[in-house]
């Protein structure tokens, strides 16, 4: 159905449901504890990305609305969240 702001949860796309699912992101900025650096070399095409494996994941919260879902849609969606 709706592919704008589509989420993929455990390989299942929100657009694959029969009901319409609206996904809204909250306007918040979370900065990780360390930065990823981009190392470029003059005269050579490409770049090396160096990242810190000990950096925490950036958490994002979403507001998800199911529009006129059937019981099957509710069960299928809630099973993805468990």
PDB file of N, CA and C in Angstrom:
ATOM      1  N   UNK A   1       0.834  -1.190   0.000  1.00  0.00           N
ATOM      2  CA  UNK A   1       0.000   0.000   0.000  1.00  0.00           C
ATOM      3  C   UNK A   1       0.878   1.252   0.000  1.00  0.00           C
ATOM      4  N   UNK A   2       0.974   1.925   1.143  1.00  0.00           N
ATOM      5  CA  UNK A   2       1.744   3.164   1.234  1.00  0.00           C
ATOM      6  C   UNK A   2       3.226   2.843   1.380  1.00  0.00           C
ATOM      7  N   UNK A   3       4.053   3.411   0.504  1.00  0.00           N
ATOM      8  CA  UNK A   3       5.486   3.150   0.575  1.00  0.00           C
ATOM      9  C   UNK A   3       6.272   4.344   1.098  1.00  0.00           C
ATOM     10  N   UNK A   4       5.598   5.471   1.309  1.00  0.00           N
ATOM     11  CA  UNK A   4       6.278   6.631   1.877  1.00  0.00           C
ATOM     12  C   UNK A   4       6.477   6.360   3.366  1.00  0.00           C
ATOM     13  N   UNK A   5       7.670   6.558   3.865  1.00  0.00           N
ATOM     14  CA  UNK A   5       8.018   6.284   5.265  1.00  0.00           C
ATOM     15  C   UNK A   5       7.775   4.829   5.644  1.00  0.00           C
ATOM     16  N   UNK A   6       8.061   3.933   4.743  1.00  0.00           N
ATOM     17  CA  UNK A   6       7.889   2.503   4.983  1.00  0.00           C
ATOM     18  C   UNK A   6       8.957   2.002   5.959  1.00  0.00           C
ATOM     19  N   UNK A   7       8.558   1.138   6.867  1.00  0.00           N
ATOM     20  CA  UNK A   7       9.489   0.475   7.778  1.00  0.00           C
ATOM     21  C   UNK A   7       9.596  -0.991   7.400  1.00  0.00           C
ATOM     22  N   UNK A   8      10.736  -1.580   7.668  1.00  0.00           N
ATOM     23  CA  UNK A   8      10.920  -3.023   7.496  1.00  0.00           C
ATOM     24  C   UNK A   8      11.250  -3.582   8.867  1.00  0.00           C
ATOM     25  N   UNK A   9      10.366  -4.447   9.380  1.00  0.00           N
ATOM     26  CA  UNK A   9      10.529  -5.043  10.706  1.00  0.00           C
ATOM     27  C   UNK A   9      10.703  -6.541  10.518  1.00  0.00           C
ATOM     28  N   UNK A  10      11.857  -7.066  10.871  1.00  0.00           N
ATOM     29  CA  UNK A  10      12.171  -8.491  10.702  1.00  0.00           C
ATOM     30  C   UNK A  10      11.883  -8.975   9.285  1.00  0.00           C
ATOM     31  N   UNK A  11      12.208  -8.163   8.291  1.00  0.00           N
ATOM     32  CA  UNK A  11      12.037  -8.533   6.892  1.00  0.00           C
ATOM     33  C   UNK A  11      10.638  -8.324   6.338  1.00  0.00           C
ATOM     34  N   UNK A  12       9.696  -7.844   7.148  1.00  0.00           N
ATOM     35  CA  UNK A  12       8.317  -7.608   6.704  1.00  0.00           C
ATOM     36  C   UNK A  12       8.124  -6.108   6.512  1.00  0.00           C
ATOM     37  N   UNK A  13       7.695  -5.706   5.312  1.00  0.00           N
ATOM     38  CA  UNK A  13       7.481  -4.294   5.014  1.00  0.00           C
ATOM     39  C   UNK A  13       6.100  -3.868   5.484  1.00  0.00           C
ATOM     40  N   UNK A  14       6.003  -2.648   6.013  1.00  0.00           N
ATOM     41  CA  UNK A  14       4.696  -2.145   6.437  1.00  0.00           C
ATOM     42  C   UNK A  14       3.769  -1.952   5.240  1.00  0.00           C
ATOM     43  N   UNK A  15       4.312  -1.826   4.041  1.00  0.00           N
ATOM     44  CA  UNK A  15       3.478  -1.678   2.843  1.00  0.00           C
ATOM     45  C   UNK A  15       2.856  -3.001   2.405  1.00  0.00           C
ATOM     46  N   UNK A  16       3.275  -4.118   3.007  1.00  0.00           N
ATOM     47  CA  UNK A  16       2.728  -5.419   2.613  1.00  0.00           C
ATOM     48  C   UNK A  16       1.399  -5.734   3.291  1.00  0.00           C
ATOM     49  N   UNK A  17       0.952  -4.894   4.216  1.00  0.00           N
ATOM     50  CA  UNK A  17      -0.315  -5.119   4.901  1.00  0.00           C
ATOM     51  C   UNK A  17      -1.472  -4.613   4.045  1.00  0.00           C
ATOM     52  N   UNK A  18      -2.652  -5.214   4.220  1.00  0.00           N
ATOM     53  CA  UNK A  18      -3.836  -4.788   3.468  1.00  0.00           C
ATOM     54  C   UNK A  18      -4.329  -3.427   3.939  1.00  0.00           C
ATOM     55  N   UNK A  19      -4.200  -3.158   5.240  1.00  0.00           N
ATOM     56  CA  UNK A  19      -4.616  -1.853   5.766  1.00  0.00           C
ATOM     57  C   UNK A  19      -3.490  -0.849   5.550  1.00  0.00           C
ATOM     58  N   UNK A  20      -3.834   0.411   5.650  1.00  0.00           N
ATOM     59  CA  UNK A  20      -2.825   1.451   5.500  1.00  0.00           C
ATOM     60  C   UNK A  20      -2.114   1.662   6.832  1.00  0.00           C
ATOM     61  N   UNK A  21      -0.786   1.715   6.788  1.00  0.00           N
ATOM     62  CA  UNK A  21       0.024   1.931   7.987  1.00  0.00           C
ATOM     63  C   UNK A  21       0.823   3.209   7.784  1.00  0.00           C
ATOM     64  N   UNK A  22       0.615   4.152   8.687  1.00  0.00           N
ATOM     65  CA  UNK A  22       1.339   5.420   8.624  1.00  0.00           C
ATOM     66  C   UNK A  22       2.473   5.395   9.638  1.00  0.00           C
ATOM     67  N   UNK A  23       3.662   5.736   9.187  1.00  0.00           N
ATOM     68  CA  UNK A  23       4.847   5.753  10.047  1.00  0.00           C
ATOM     69  C   UNK A  23       5.343   7.190  10.124  1.00  0.00           C
ATOM     70  N   UNK A  24       5.368   7.732  11.337  1.00  0.00           N
ATOM     71  CA  UNK A  24       5.850   9.096  11.541  1.00  0.00           C
ATOM     72  C   UNK A  24       7.079   9.048  12.437  1.00  0.00           C
ATOM     73  N   UNK A  25       8.086   9.808  12.068  1.00  0.00           N
ATOM     74  CA  UNK A  25       9.271   9.903  12.916  1.00  0.00           C
ATOM     75  C   UNK A  25       9.152  11.145  13.772  1.00  0.00           C
ATOM     76  N   UNK A  26       9.691  11.072  14.948  1.00  0.00           N
ATOM     77  CA  UNK A  26       9.678  12.202  15.868  1.00  0.00           C
ATOM     78  C   UNK A  26      10.875  13.100  15.577  1.00  0.00           C
ATOM     79  N   UNK A  27      10.700  14.406  15.620  1.00  0.00           N
ATOM     80  CA  UNK A  27      11.817  15.314  15.344  1.00  0.00           C
ATOM     81  C   UNK A  27      12.756  15.453  16.536  1.00  0.00           C
ATOM     82  N   UNK A  28      13.669  14.514  16.670  1.00  0.00           N
ATOM     83  CA  UNK A  28      14.653  14.599  17.740  1.00  0.00           C
ATOM     84  C   UNK A  28      16.019  14.262  17.176  1.00  0.00           C
ATOM     85  N   UNK A  29      17.024  14.848  17.741  1.00  0.00           N
ATOM     86  CA  UNK A  29      18.392  14.621  17.289  1.00  0.00           C
ATOM     87  C   UNK A  29      19.140  13.901  18.397  1.00  0.00           C
ATOM     88  N   UNK A  30      19.717  12.755  18.055  1.00  0.00           N
ATOM     89  CA  UNK A  30      20.511  11.989  19.009  1.00  0.00           C
ATOM     90  C   UNK A  30      21.912  11.861  18.427  1.00  0.00           C
ATOM     91  N   UNK A  31      22.879  12.304  19.156  1.00  0.00           N
ATOM     92  CA  UNK A  31      24.262  12.244  18.702  1.00  0.00           C
ATOM     93  C   UNK A  31      24.934  11.061  19.372  1.00  0.00           C
ATOM     94  N   UNK A  32      25.618  10.256  18.578  1.00  0.00           N
ATOM     95  CA  UNK A  32      26.318   9.107  19.146  1.00  0.00           C
ATOM     96  C   UNK A  32      27.534   9.578  19.933  1.00  0.00           C
ATOM     97  N   UNK A  33      28.101   8.664  20.718  1.00  0.00           N
ATOM     98  CA  UNK A  33      29.198   9.043  21.609  1.00  0.00           C
ATOM     99  C   UNK A  33      30.534   9.216  20.889  1.00  0.00           C
ATOM    100  N   UNK A  34      30.669   8.712  19.679  1.00  0.00           N
ATOM    101  CA  UNK A  34      31.902   8.928  18.925  1.00  0.00           C
ATOM    102  C   UNK A  34      31.560   9.082  17.449  1.00  0.00           C
ATOM    103  N   UNK A  35      32.504   9.602  16.693  1.00  0.00           N
ATOM    104  CA  UNK A  35      32.243   9.900  15.291  1.00  0.00           C
ATOM    105  C   UNK A  35      32.902   8.879  14.379  1.00  0.00           C
ATOM    106  N   UNK A  36      32.342   8.739  13.194  1.00  0.00           N
ATOM    107  CA  UNK A  36      32.952   7.949  12.143  1.00  0.00           C
ATOM    108  C   UNK A  36      33.772   8.896  11.280  1.00  0.00           C
ATOM    109  N   UNK A  37      34.998   8.531  11.000  1.00  0.00           N
ATOM    110  CA  UNK A  37      35.842   9.419  10.199  1.00  0.00           C
ATOM    111  C   UNK A  37      35.974   8.879   8.782  1.00  0.00           C
ATOM    112  N   UNK A  38      36.068   9.790   7.839  1.00  0.00           N
ATOM    113  CA  UNK A  38      36.232   9.443   6.436  1.00  0.00           C
ATOM    114  C   UNK A  38      37.649   9.829   6.030  1.00  0.00           C
ATOM    115  N   UNK A  39      38.441   8.845   5.645  1.00  0.00           N
ATOM    116  CA  UNK A  39      39.832   9.087   5.267  1.00  0.00           C
ATOM    117  C   UNK A  39      39.926   9.086   3.750  1.00  0.00           C
ATOM    118  N   UNK A  40      40.328  10.213   3.155  1.00  0.00           N
ATOM    119  CA  UNK A  40      40.447  10.319   1.707  1.00  0.00           C
ATOM    120  C   UNK A  40      41.915  10.407   1.322  1.00  0.00           C
ATOM    121  N   UNK A  41      42.241   9.876   0.158  1.00  0.00           N
ATOM    122  CA  UNK A  41      43.614   9.885  -0.333  1.00  0.00           C
ATOM    123  C   UNK A  41      43.668  10.720  -1.606  1.00  0.00           C
ATOM    124  N   UNK A  42      44.567  11.684  -1.655  1.00  0.00           N
ATOM    125  CA  UNK A  42      44.702  12.545  -2.834  1.00  0.00           C
ATOM    126  C   UNK A  42      45.175  11.726  -4.027  1.00  0.00           C
ATOM    127  N   UNK A  43      44.508  11.910  -5.166  1.00  0.00           N
ATOM    128  CA  UNK A  43      44.918  11.233  -6.384  1.00  0.00           C
ATOM    129  C   UNK A  43      44.388   9.821  -6.532  1.00  0.00           C
ATOM    130  N   UNK A  44      43.801   9.250  -5.518  1.00  0.00           N
ATOM    131  CA  UNK A  44      43.255   7.890  -5.593  1.00  0.00           C
ATOM    132  C   UNK A  44      41.738   7.995  -5.468  1.00  0.00           C
ATOM    133  N   UNK A  45      41.025   7.294  -6.347  1.00  0.00           N
ATOM    134  CA  UNK A  45      39.567   7.349  -6.255  1.00  0.00           C
ATOM    135  C   UNK A  45      39.092   6.438  -5.138  1.00  0.00           C
ATOM    136  N   UNK A  46      38.071   6.880  -4.431  1.00  0.00           N
ATOM    137  CA  UNK A  46      37.529   6.088  -3.332  1.00  0.00           C
ATOM    138  C   UNK A  46      37.939   6.666  -1.994  1.00  0.00           C
ATOM    139  N   UNK A  47      37.469   6.039  -0.956  1.00  0.00           N
ATOM    140  CA  UNK A  47      37.762   6.495   0.400  1.00  0.00           C
ATOM    141  C   UNK A  47      37.651   5.317   1.352  1.00  0.00           C
ATOM    142  N   UNK A  48      38.235   5.469   2.519  1.00  0.00           N
ATOM    143  CA  UNK A  48      38.166   4.451   3.567  1.00  0.00           C
ATOM    144  C   UNK A  48      37.321   5.020   4.698  1.00  0.00           C
ATOM    145  N   UNK A  49      36.380   4.243   5.169  1.00  0.00           N
ATOM    146  CA  UNK A  49      35.565   4.679   6.298  1.00  0.00           C
ATOM    147  C   UNK A  49      36.053   3.953   7.532  1.00  0.00           C
ATOM    148  N   UNK A  50      36.413   4.709   8.556  1.00  0.00           N
ATOM    149  CA  UNK A  50      36.880   4.129   9.805  1.00  0.00           C
ATOM    150  C   UNK A  50      35.834   4.423  10.870  1.00  0.00           C
ATOM    151  N   UNK A  51      35.301   3.379  11.482  1.00  0.00           N
ATOM    152  CA  UNK A  51      34.271   3.597  12.502  1.00  0.00           C
ATOM    153  C   UNK A  51      34.665   2.909  13.799  1.00  0.00           C
ATOM    154  N   UNK A  52      34.052   3.347  14.864  1.00  0.00           N
ATOM    155  CA  UNK A  52      34.327   2.820  16.193  1.00  0.00           C
ATOM    156  C   UNK A  52      33.301   1.738  16.513  1.00  0.00           C
ATOM    157  N   UNK A  53      33.747   0.517  16.728  1.00  0.00           N
ATOM    158  CA  UNK A  53      32.830  -0.595  17.013  1.00  0.00           C
ATOM    159  C   UNK A  53      32.209  -0.487  18.399  1.00  0.00           C
ATOM    160  N   UNK A  54      32.790   0.321  19.259  1.00  0.00           N
ATOM    161  CA  UNK A  54      32.293   0.457  20.624  1.00  0.00           C
ATOM    162  C   UNK A  54      31.247   1.563  20.754  1.00  0.00           C
ATOM    163  N   UNK A  55      30.900   2.178  19.642  1.00  0.00           N
ATOM    164  CA  UNK A  55      29.900   3.246  19.657  1.00  0.00           C
ATOM    165  C   UNK A  55      28.515   2.644  19.873  1.00  0.00           C
ATOM    166  N   UNK A  56      27.708   3.321  20.674  1.00  0.00           N
ATOM    167  CA  UNK A  56      26.343   2.856  20.913  1.00  0.00           C
ATOM    168  C   UNK A  56      25.492   3.050  19.663  1.00  0.00           C
ATOM    169  N   UNK A  57      24.416   2.267  19.553  1.00  0.00           N
ATOM    170  CA  UNK A  57      23.470   2.433  18.460  1.00  0.00           C
ATOM    171  C   UNK A  57      22.652   3.700  18.676  1.00  0.00           C
ATOM    172  N   UNK A  58      22.247   4.308  17.588  1.00  0.00           N
ATOM    173  CA  UNK A  58      21.381   5.474  17.670  1.00  0.00           C
ATOM    174  C   UNK A  58      19.941   4.977  17.674  1.00  0.00           C
ATOM    175  N   UNK A  59      19.202   5.317  18.716  1.00  0.00           N
ATOM    176  CA  UNK A  59      17.817   4.869  18.837  1.00  0.00           C
ATOM    177  C   UNK A  59      16.884   5.911  18.247  1.00  0.00           C
ATOM    178  N   UNK A  60      15.888   5.444  17.482  1.00  0.00           N
ATOM    179  CA  UNK A  60      14.881   6.327  16.913  1.00  0.00           C
ATOM    180  C   UNK A  60      13.518   5.818  17.333  1.00  0.00           C
ATOM    181  N   UNK A  61      12.644   6.728  17.678  1.00  0.00           N
ATOM    182  CA  UNK A  61      11.285   6.335  18.036  1.00  0.00           C
ATOM    183  C   UNK A  61      10.343   6.697  16.889  1.00  0.00           C
ATOM    184  N   UNK A  62       9.309   5.888  16.716  1.00  0.00           N
ATOM    185  CA  UNK A  62       8.337   6.083  15.651  1.00  0.00           C
ATOM    186  C   UNK A  62       6.936   6.085  16.230  1.00  0.00           C
ATOM    187  N   UNK A  63       6.040   6.796  15.582  1.00  0.00           N
ATOM    188  CA  UNK A  63       4.616   6.732  15.895  1.00  0.00           C
ATOM    189  C   UNK A  63       3.977   6.003  14.717  1.00  0.00           C
ATOM    190  N   UNK A  64       3.369   4.848  14.979  1.00  0.00           N
ATOM    191  CA  UNK A  64       2.798   4.010  13.924  1.00  0.00           C
ATOM    192  C   UNK A  64       1.289   3.969  14.088  1.00  0.00           C
ATOM    193  N   UNK A  65       0.566   4.282  13.018  1.00  0.00           N
ATOM    194  CA  UNK A  65      -0.902   4.262  13.032  1.00  0.00           C
ATOM    195  C   UNK A  65      -1.399   3.260  12.007  1.00  0.00           C
ATOM    196  N   UNK A  66      -2.273   2.353  12.428  1.00  0.00           N
ATOM    197  CA  UNK A  66      -2.922   1.418  11.522  1.00  0.00           C
ATOM    198  C   UNK A  66      -4.314   1.961  11.220  1.00  0.00           C
ATOM    199  N   UNK A  67      -4.633   2.155   9.941  1.00  0.00           N
ATOM    200  CA  UNK A  67      -5.907   2.731   9.523  1.00  0.00           C
ATOM    201  C   UNK A  67      -6.854   1.606   9.103  1.00  0.00           C
ATOM    202  N   UNK A  68      -7.966   1.476   9.816  1.00  0.00           N
ATOM    203  CA  UNK A  68      -8.998   0.456   9.557  1.00  0.00           C
ATOM    204  C   UNK A  68      -8.421  -0.953   9.407  1.00  0.00           C
ATOM    205  N   UNK A  69      -7.674  -1.439  10.389  1.00  0.00           N
ATOM    206  CA  UNK A  69      -7.096  -2.783  10.271  1.00  0.00           C
ATOM    207  C   UNK A  69      -8.137  -3.865  10.569  1.00  0.00           C
ATOM    208  N   UNK A  70      -7.948  -5.020   9.965  1.00  0.00           N
ATOM    209  CA  UNK A  70      -8.752  -6.188  10.306  1.00  0.00           C
ATOM    210  C   UNK A  70      -8.107  -6.855  11.517  1.00  0.00           C
ATOM    211  N   UNK A  71      -8.798  -7.830  12.097  1.00  0.00           N
ATOM    212  CA  UNK A  71      -8.217  -8.570  13.221  1.00  0.00           C
ATOM    213  C   UNK A  71      -6.937  -9.282  12.802  1.00  0.00           C
ATOM    214  N   UNK A  72      -6.925  -9.781  11.575  1.00  0.00           N
ATOM    215  CA  UNK A  72      -5.737 -10.469  11.052  1.00  0.00           C
ATOM    216  C   UNK A  72      -4.556  -9.498  10.944  1.00  0.00           C
ATOM    217  N   UNK A  73      -4.819  -8.276  10.471  1.00  0.00           N
ATOM    218  CA  UNK A  73      -3.759  -7.267  10.375  1.00  0.00           C
ATOM    219  C   UNK A  73      -3.202  -6.913  11.751  1.00  0.00           C
ATOM    220  N   UNK A  74      -4.092  -6.741  12.730  1.00  0.00           N
ATOM    221  CA  UNK A  74      -3.647  -6.427  14.094  1.00  0.00           C
ATOM    222  C   UNK A  74      -2.788  -7.544  14.673  1.00  0.00           C
ATOM    223  N   UNK A  75      -3.220  -8.787  14.482  1.00  0.00           N
ATOM    224  CA  UNK A  75      -2.467  -9.931  15.003  1.00  0.00           C
ATOM    225  C   UNK A  75      -1.105 -10.026  14.313  1.00  0.00           C
ATOM    226  N   UNK A  76      -1.098  -9.877  12.988  1.00  0.00           N
ATOM    227  CA  UNK A  76       0.153  -9.985  12.229  1.00  0.00           C
ATOM    228  C   UNK A  76       1.132  -8.875  12.619  1.00  0.00           C
ATOM    229  N   UNK A  77       0.625  -7.638  12.784  1.00  0.00           N
ATOM    230  CA  UNK A  77       1.505  -6.526  13.140  1.00  0.00           C
ATOM    231  C   UNK A  77       2.017  -6.657  14.569  1.00  0.00           C
ATOM    232  N   UNK A  78       1.136  -7.021  15.494  1.00  0.00           N
ATOM    233  CA  UNK A  78       1.571  -7.153  16.893  1.00  0.00           C
ATOM    234  C   UNK A  78       2.557  -8.303  17.069  1.00  0.00           C
ATOM    235  N   UNK A  79       2.480  -9.329  16.220  1.00  0.00           N
ATOM    236  CA  UNK A  79       3.446 -10.429  16.313  1.00  0.00           C
ATOM    237  C   UNK A  79       4.843  -9.981  15.883  1.00  0.00           C
ATOM    238  N   UNK A  80       4.933  -8.940  15.062  1.00  0.00           N
ATOM    239  CA  UNK A  80       6.246  -8.409  14.671  1.00  0.00           C
ATOM    240  C   UNK A  80       6.931  -7.685  15.824  1.00  0.00           C
ATOM    241  N   UNK A  81       6.142  -7.139  16.738  1.00  0.00           N
ATOM    242  CA  UNK A  81       6.697  -6.348  17.834  1.00  0.00           C
ATOM    243  C   UNK A  81       7.123  -7.193  19.020  1.00  0.00           C
ATOM    244  N   UNK A  82       6.788  -8.457  19.039  1.00  0.00           N
ATOM    245  CA  UNK A  82       7.161  -9.344  20.159  1.00  0.00           C
ATOM    246  C   UNK A  82       8.510  -9.958  19.960  1.00  0.00           C
TER     247      UNK A  82
END
